[in-house]
Amino acid sequence: MQLKIKSYLPFLLILILVGSCVPTKQFDDLQLKSNQCEEELDITKNENKNLNVANTELKSQLDIMTENIKNMHADSLARENKLHSLDIKYDKLNRQYNDMQTTQDQLLTGNISETKKLLQEIQNTQASIIEQEDQLRKLEDNLRSEQFKLDKYKTELEEKSARLVELESILSKKDSVVNALKETVSRALMGFTDMGLAVEMKNGKVYVSLDEQLLFKSGSTSVDPKGVSAIKKLAEVLAVNPDINIMVEGHTDDVPYISSTTVKDNWDLSVKRATAIVRILMTNSKIDGNRIIAAGRSKYHPVINSKAPDARKKNRRTEIILTPKLDELFQILESN
């Protein structure tokens, strides 16, 4: 899951009276806040990368642990077979020893040289038995050590699997929330789909795209009544979904804006249009301002890379991006 790169700008700008000039100090403050928001963008981007890297590492560790357990099972079986074979040899040697001991007893009264030979054979057999017993004890020690390691790996694997299941559950829950939100928003704004409004889901977020014709007159930052009605309908949905973060992005085409007393350029126009939408959303008292971000994209994120009039018309838009909060997911990743 990757977050789309966004340029953050202050969520509120000071209203500028028509016909007045922007003071230099206020413009510098706005520029400073713009730089701060760009830094926040980098932080958010890194958090998103860390999320994907952590999820990939967990799955990789799970594969490695599973392969290790499989290999250890095979090795443990081989050691058990070898141990069983040694037990059989031990029993055989023990029987031979008993037989020789009996023979020794019988020959004690017989030929001395034959007796010495038999005694030497018995000693050799005893030495062999002792050696086999030492090997058997070493194998038993190794088997216990390998079993301990196997149990440890199993425990770690179970812990990793539990974390992975929890992560997958949260991601699945988040996708369900996004799907449900898309359907709710689509129903609420159904009456505006023929007026340049579209609702779609991309990259785990819901995008509400509004054409310029629904919201603004050319070069204006004042929202048309039809647009106000659509934004208020959307605000009603967002008011009852407090776990949804809201980003409002203003977009222009690539035609340079002619500076005026109220708007300096395309960047300024896209930001002012975004903040105008935010103010309408904030008229709903149930929407907390800390959920909202206002951003201006200027001409740099067109829908269609073309200079044709129709393409430029589609690029002049405002997008309201709705994202479920991922606090639970971040807490799990931090615990790892």
Protein backbone atom coordinates (compact mmCIF):
# COMPACT_ATOMS: atom_id res chain seq x y z
CA MET A 1 0.00 0.00 0.00
CA GLN A 2 1.47 3.12 -1.09
CA LEU A 3 0.35 6.66 -0.44
CA LYS A 4 0.17 9.00 -3.37
CA ILE A 5 2.69 11.79 -3.13
CA LYS A 6 1.06 14.96 -1.98
CA SER A 7 2.32 18.53 -1.53
CA TYR A 8 0.98 19.87 1.73
CA LEU A 9 0.07 23.52 2.26
CA PRO A 10 -1.47 25.22 5.31
CA PHE A 11 -5.11 24.21 5.79
CA LEU A 12 -6.24 27.80 6.41
CA LEU A 13 -5.25 30.95 4.58
CA ILE A 14 -6.16 34.47 5.60
CA LEU A 15 -9.08 35.80 3.55
CA ILE A 16 -7.91 38.51 1.24
CA LEU A 17 -10.26 41.40 0.54
CA VAL A 18 -10.95 42.01 -3.14
CA GLY A 19 -8.85 44.81 -4.47
CA SER A 20 -6.18 44.62 -1.74
CA CYS A 21 -2.52 43.54 -2.16
CA VAL A 22 -0.89 40.52 -0.34
CA PRO A 23 1.55 41.86 2.35
CA THR A 24 5.08 40.59 1.96
CA LYS A 25 5.20 39.21 5.51
CA GLN A 26 2.05 37.11 5.02
CA PHE A 27 3.34 35.75 1.73
CA ASP A 28 6.63 34.76 3.41
CA ASP A 29 4.68 33.02 6.20
CA LEU A 30 2.70 31.10 3.62
CA GLN A 31 5.88 30.11 1.80
CA LEU A 32 7.40 28.89 5.11
CA LYS A 33 4.32 26.79 5.86
CA SER A 34 4.47 25.39 2.34
CA ASN A 35 8.05 24.22 2.96
CA GLN A 36 7.01 22.66 6.27
CA CYS A 37 4.23 20.75 4.54
CA GLU A 38 6.68 19.44 1.94
CA GLU A 39 8.78 18.07 4.80
CA GLU A 40 5.66 16.41 6.21
CA LEU A 41 5.16 14.86 2.77
CA ASP A 42 8.60 13.24 2.95
CA ILE A 43 7.81 11.89 6.42
CA THR A 44 4.49 10.45 5.24
CA LYS A 45 6.17 8.93 2.18
CA ASN A 46 8.83 7.27 4.37
CA GLU A 47 6.16 5.94 6.71
CA ASN A 48 4.39 4.38 3.73
CA LYS A 49 7.66 2.81 2.49
CA ASN A 50 8.41 1.49 6.00
CA LEU A 51 4.93 -0.06 6.08
CA ASN A 52 5.51 -1.98 2.82
CA VAL A 53 9.10 -2.95 3.78
CA ALA A 54 7.94 -4.23 7.20
CA ASN A 55 5.16 -6.28 5.63
CA THR A 56 7.60 -7.77 3.03
CA GLU A 57 10.19 -8.57 5.73
CA LEU A 58 7.59 -10.37 7.87
CA LYS A 59 6.54 -12.55 4.94
CA SER A 60 10.20 -13.25 4.04
CA GLN A 61 10.98 -14.25 7.63
CA LEU A 62 7.93 -16.52 7.66
CA ASP A 63 9.18 -18.33 4.51
CA ILE A 64 12.68 -18.75 5.96
CA MET A 65 11.38 -20.09 9.28
CA THR A 66 9.06 -22.54 7.51
CA GLU A 67 11.97 -23.87 5.41
CA ASN A 68 14.17 -24.19 8.51
CA ILE A 69 11.52 -26.24 10.33
CA LYS A 70 11.11 -28.50 7.31
CA ASN A 71 14.87 -29.13 7.19
CA MET A 72 15.05 -29.76 10.93
CA HIS A 73 12.20 -32.27 10.73
CA ALA A 74 14.10 -34.16 8.05
CA ASP A 75 17.35 -34.05 10.04
CA SER A 76 15.57 -35.17 13.22
CA LEU A 77 14.08 -38.17 11.40
CA ALA A 78 17.51 -39.16 10.05
CA ARG A 79 19.02 -38.97 13.54
CA GLU A 80 16.22 -41.10 14.98
CA ASN A 81 16.84 -43.74 12.32
CA LYS A 82 20.55 -43.73 13.10
CA LEU A 83 19.83 -44.02 16.82
CA HIS A 84 17.57 -47.01 16.19
CA SER A 85 20.32 -48.66 14.13
CA LEU A 86 22.81 -48.15 16.94
CA ASP A 87 20.38 -49.68 19.44
CA ILE A 88 20.19 -52.80 17.26
CA LYS A 89 23.99 -52.99 17.05
CA TYR A 90 24.25 -52.51 20.78
CA ASP A 91 21.86 -55.38 21.46
CA LYS A 92 23.81 -57.60 19.07
CA LEU A 93 27.13 -56.75 20.71
CA ASN A 94 25.66 -57.32 24.12
CA ARG A 95 24.50 -60.77 23.12
CA GLN A 96 27.95 -61.53 21.71
CA TYR A 97 29.49 -60.38 24.95
CA ASN A 98 27.27 -62.68 26.96
CA ASP A 99 28.07 -65.56 24.64
CA MET A 100 31.79 -64.93 25.02
CA GLN A 101 31.49 -64.62 28.74
CA THR A 102 29.86 -68.02 28.82
CA THR A 103 32.55 -69.44 26.58
CA GLN A 104 35.21 -67.96 28.81
CA ASP A 105 33.76 -69.66 31.84
CA GLN A 106 33.75 -72.96 30.01
CA LEU A 107 37.35 -72.65 28.88
CA LEU A 108 38.84 -71.51 32.14
CA THR A 109 39.77 -75.11 32.85
CA GLY A 110 40.92 -75.72 29.25
CA ASN A 111 43.85 -74.59 27.12
CA ILE A 112 45.52 -71.45 28.54
CA SER A 113 46.51 -69.99 25.16
CA GLU A 114 43.00 -70.42 23.83
CA THR A 115 41.67 -68.82 26.93
CA LYS A 116 43.96 -65.77 26.51
CA LYS A 117 42.82 -65.42 22.91
CA LEU A 118 39.21 -65.49 23.96
CA LEU A 119 39.90 -63.00 26.71
CA GLN A 120 41.50 -60.62 24.20
CA GLU A 121 38.44 -60.93 21.97
CA ILE A 122 36.23 -60.18 24.92
CA GLN A 123 38.28 -57.10 25.80
CA ASN A 124 38.08 -55.86 22.21
CA THR A 125 34.35 -56.44 22.20
CA GLN A 126 33.95 -54.55 25.47
CA ALA A 127 35.99 -51.64 24.09
CA SER A 128 33.79 -51.61 20.99
CA ILE A 129 30.65 -51.61 23.15
CA ILE A 130 31.97 -48.71 25.23
CA GLU A 131 32.77 -46.75 22.07
CA GLN A 132 29.28 -47.43 20.68
CA GLU A 133 27.73 -46.33 23.95
CA ASP A 134 29.70 -43.06 23.82
CA GLN A 135 28.49 -42.44 20.28
CA LEU A 136 24.94 -43.22 21.37
CA ARG A 137 25.12 -40.70 24.22
CA LYS A 138 26.52 -38.02 21.89
CA LEU A 139 23.68 -38.63 19.43
CA GLU A 140 21.13 -38.37 22.22
CA ASP A 141 22.67 -35.07 23.37
CA ASN A 142 22.63 -33.74 19.80
CA LEU A 143 19.03 -34.84 19.36
CA ARG A 144 17.96 -33.02 22.52
CA SER A 145 19.80 -29.88 21.36
CA GLU A 146 18.18 -30.01 17.93
CA GLN A 147 14.77 -30.56 19.52
CA PHE A 148 15.29 -27.48 21.68
CA LYS A 149 16.17 -25.42 18.60
CA LEU A 150 13.15 -26.80 16.76
CA ASP A 151 10.84 -25.82 19.61
CA LYS A 152 12.36 -22.33 19.66
CA TYR A 153 11.87 -21.92 15.91
CA LYS A 154 8.29 -23.12 16.20
CA THR A 155 7.56 -20.52 18.88
CA GLU A 156 9.10 -17.72 16.81
CA LEU A 157 7.21 -18.88 13.74
CA GLU A 158 3.92 -18.87 15.62
CA GLU A 159 4.59 -15.32 16.87
CA LYS A 160 5.48 -14.10 13.36
CA SER A 161 2.43 -15.82 11.91
CA ALA A 162 0.17 -14.21 14.51
CA ARG A 163 1.54 -10.77 13.67
CA LEU A 164 1.12 -11.41 9.95
CA VAL A 165 -2.47 -12.57 10.42
CA GLU A 166 -3.18 -9.46 12.47
CA LEU A 167 -1.67 -7.22 9.78
CA GLU A 168 -3.68 -8.94 7.05
CA SER A 169 -6.85 -8.62 9.14
CA ILE A 170 -6.34 -4.88 9.59
CA LEU A 171 -5.58 -4.38 5.88
CA SER A 172 -8.69 -6.38 4.94
CA LYS A 173 -10.76 -4.35 7.38
CA LYS A 174 -9.38 -1.13 5.91
CA ASP A 175 -10.28 -2.26 2.36
CA SER A 176 -13.81 -3.11 3.51
CA VAL A 177 -14.14 0.33 5.09
CA VAL A 178 -12.94 2.01 1.89
CA ASN A 179 -15.39 0.02 -0.26
CA ALA A 180 -18.28 0.82 2.05
CA LEU A 181 -17.28 4.50 2.12
CA LYS A 182 -17.16 4.63 -1.69
CA GLU A 183 -20.66 3.20 -1.94
CA THR A 184 -22.00 5.62 0.68
CA VAL A 185 -20.39 8.63 -0.98
CA SER A 186 -21.57 7.53 -4.44
CA ARG A 187 -25.17 7.27 -3.21
CA ALA A 188 -25.02 10.64 -1.45
CA LEU A 189 -23.65 12.42 -4.55
CA MET A 190 -25.63 10.52 -7.18
CA GLY A 191 -27.49 13.66 -8.24
CA PHE A 192 -24.28 15.42 -9.22
CA THR A 193 -22.70 12.78 -11.48
CA ASP A 194 -23.98 14.54 -14.61
CA MET A 195 -22.51 17.84 -13.45
CA GLY A 196 -18.83 16.85 -13.54
CA LEU A 197 -18.57 14.81 -10.33
CA ALA A 198 -17.01 11.32 -10.16
CA VAL A 199 -16.33 8.90 -7.28
CA GLU A 200 -13.71 6.15 -7.61
CA MET A 201 -11.36 4.04 -5.48
CA LYS A 202 -7.59 4.09 -6.11
CA ASN A 203 -4.64 2.87 -4.03
CA GLY A 204 -6.86 2.09 -1.04
CA LYS A 205 -8.45 5.57 -1.02
CA VAL A 206 -11.73 7.08 -2.21
CA TYR A 207 -11.33 9.93 -4.71
CA VAL A 208 -14.17 12.43 -5.17
CA SER A 209 -13.26 14.44 -8.29
CA LEU A 210 -15.19 17.63 -9.10
CA ASP A 211 -14.74 19.45 -12.42
CA GLU A 212 -14.17 23.18 -12.47
CA GLN A 213 -17.58 23.73 -14.09
CA LEU A 214 -19.32 22.38 -10.97
CA LEU A 215 -17.33 24.45 -8.49
CA PHE A 216 -15.74 27.59 -9.93
CA LYS A 217 -16.02 30.09 -12.71
CA SER A 218 -12.84 30.61 -14.72
CA GLY A 219 -10.10 32.11 -12.53
CA SER A 220 -12.42 32.37 -9.51
CA THR A 221 -11.99 30.98 -6.00
CA SER A 222 -15.66 31.40 -5.06
CA VAL A 223 -17.63 28.13 -5.10
CA ASP A 224 -20.74 27.94 -7.29
CA PRO A 225 -24.03 27.19 -5.41
CA LYS A 226 -24.29 23.80 -7.15
CA GLY A 227 -20.81 22.97 -5.90
CA VAL A 228 -21.66 24.15 -2.38
CA SER A 229 -24.64 21.78 -2.36
CA ALA A 230 -22.47 18.83 -3.46
CA ILE A 231 -19.77 19.57 -0.86
CA LYS A 232 -22.36 19.81 1.93
CA LYS A 233 -23.82 16.45 0.89
CA LEU A 234 -20.34 14.96 1.14
CA ALA A 235 -19.80 16.66 4.52
CA GLU A 236 -22.87 14.87 5.88
CA VAL A 237 -21.27 11.51 5.05
CA LEU A 238 -17.89 12.50 6.49
CA ALA A 239 -19.47 13.81 9.69
CA VAL A 240 -20.69 10.29 10.59
CA ASN A 241 -17.36 8.67 9.63
CA PRO A 242 -14.86 10.26 12.06
CA ASP A 243 -12.12 7.71 11.29
CA ILE A 244 -11.69 9.03 7.73
CA ASN A 245 -8.93 11.56 6.97
CA ILE A 246 -9.69 14.17 4.32
CA MET A 247 -7.34 15.82 1.82
CA VAL A 248 -8.60 18.50 -0.55
CA GLU A 249 -6.38 19.04 -3.62
CA GLY A 250 -6.80 21.89 -6.08
CA HIS A 251 -5.59 21.34 -9.69
CA THR A 252 -5.21 23.76 -12.61
CA ASP A 253 -4.37 23.31 -16.28
CA ASP A 254 -1.01 24.35 -17.78
CA VAL A 255 -2.15 27.77 -18.97
CA PRO A 256 -0.27 30.37 -16.87
CA TYR A 257 -2.58 32.40 -14.65
CA ILE A 258 -2.39 36.14 -15.13
CA SER A 259 -1.52 37.62 -11.75
CA SER A 260 -4.17 39.76 -10.08
CA THR A 261 -4.58 41.50 -6.75
CA THR A 262 -6.10 38.35 -5.21
CA VAL A 263 -4.38 35.47 -7.04
CA LYS A 264 -0.71 35.45 -8.01
CA ASP A 265 -0.33 32.31 -10.18
CA ASN A 266 -1.56 28.74 -10.74
CA TRP A 267 -0.11 27.60 -7.43
CA ASP A 268 -1.97 30.32 -5.58
CA LEU A 269 -5.20 29.58 -7.45
CA SER A 270 -5.08 25.83 -6.72
CA VAL A 271 -4.44 26.46 -3.02
CA LYS A 272 -7.19 29.06 -2.64
CA ARG A 273 -9.69 26.76 -4.35
CA ALA A 274 -8.74 23.92 -2.00
CA THR A 275 -9.17 26.10 1.08
CA ALA A 276 -12.53 27.34 -0.24
CA ILE A 277 -13.75 23.72 -0.30
CA VAL A 278 -12.34 23.12 3.20
CA ARG A 279 -14.32 26.07 4.57
CA ILE A 280 -17.54 24.58 3.20
CA LEU A 281 -16.74 21.19 4.78
CA MET A 282 -16.01 22.91 8.08
CA THR A 283 -19.51 24.44 8.16
CA ASN A 284 -20.52 20.99 9.38
CA SER A 285 -19.68 21.23 13.09
CA LYS A 286 -19.22 17.46 13.40
CA ILE A 287 -16.10 17.47 11.19
CA ASP A 288 -12.93 18.06 13.22
CA GLY A 289 -10.41 20.31 11.49
CA ASN A 290 -7.49 18.05 12.42
CA ARG A 291 -8.85 15.48 9.92
CA ILE A 292 -8.49 17.86 6.96
CA ILE A 293 -5.54 18.91 4.81
CA ALA A 294 -5.79 21.52 2.05
CA ALA A 295 -3.27 21.28 -0.79
CA GLY A 296 -2.59 22.94 -4.12
CA ARG A 297 -1.12 20.91 -7.01
CA SER A 298 -1.06 23.68 -9.61
CA LYS A 299 -0.59 22.19 -13.13
CA TYR A 300 1.76 19.36 -12.14
CA HIS A 301 -0.66 16.43 -11.77
CA PRO A 302 -2.86 16.47 -14.88
CA VAL A 303 -5.40 13.77 -15.62
CA ILE A 304 -4.47 13.94 -19.32
CA ASN A 305 -1.08 15.12 -20.64
CA SER A 306 -2.38 17.13 -23.56
CA LYS A 307 -2.84 20.75 -24.54
CA ALA A 308 -6.20 20.06 -26.19
CA PRO A 309 -9.10 22.14 -24.78
CA ASP A 310 -11.00 19.06 -23.60
CA ALA A 311 -7.91 17.74 -21.81
CA ARG A 312 -7.26 21.07 -20.12
CA LYS A 313 -10.90 21.17 -19.03
CA LYS A 314 -10.56 17.77 -17.31
CA ASN A 315 -7.30 18.84 -15.65
CA ARG A 316 -9.02 21.87 -14.04
CA ARG A 317 -10.53 20.05 -11.09
CA THR A 318 -10.65 19.63 -7.34
CA GLU A 319 -10.12 16.21 -5.74
CA ILE A 320 -11.27 15.26 -2.25
CA ILE A 321 -9.25 12.21 -1.15
CA LEU A 322 -10.66 10.12 1.70
CA THR A 323 -8.34 7.75 3.60
CA PRO A 324 -9.12 5.52 6.62
CA LYS A 325 -6.87 6.01 9.63
CA LEU A 326 -4.17 3.33 10.02
CA ASP A 327 -3.27 3.84 13.71
CA GLU A 328 -3.68 0.12 14.55
CA LEU A 329 -1.38 -0.91 11.71
CA PHE A 330 1.33 1.55 12.69
CA GLN A 331 1.18 0.34 16.31
CA ILE A 332 1.75 -3.29 15.22
CA LEU A 333 4.70 -2.30 13.02
CA GLU A 334 6.26 -0.27 15.85
CA SER A 335 5.92 -3.25 18.23
CA ASN A 336 8.05 -5.32 15.82
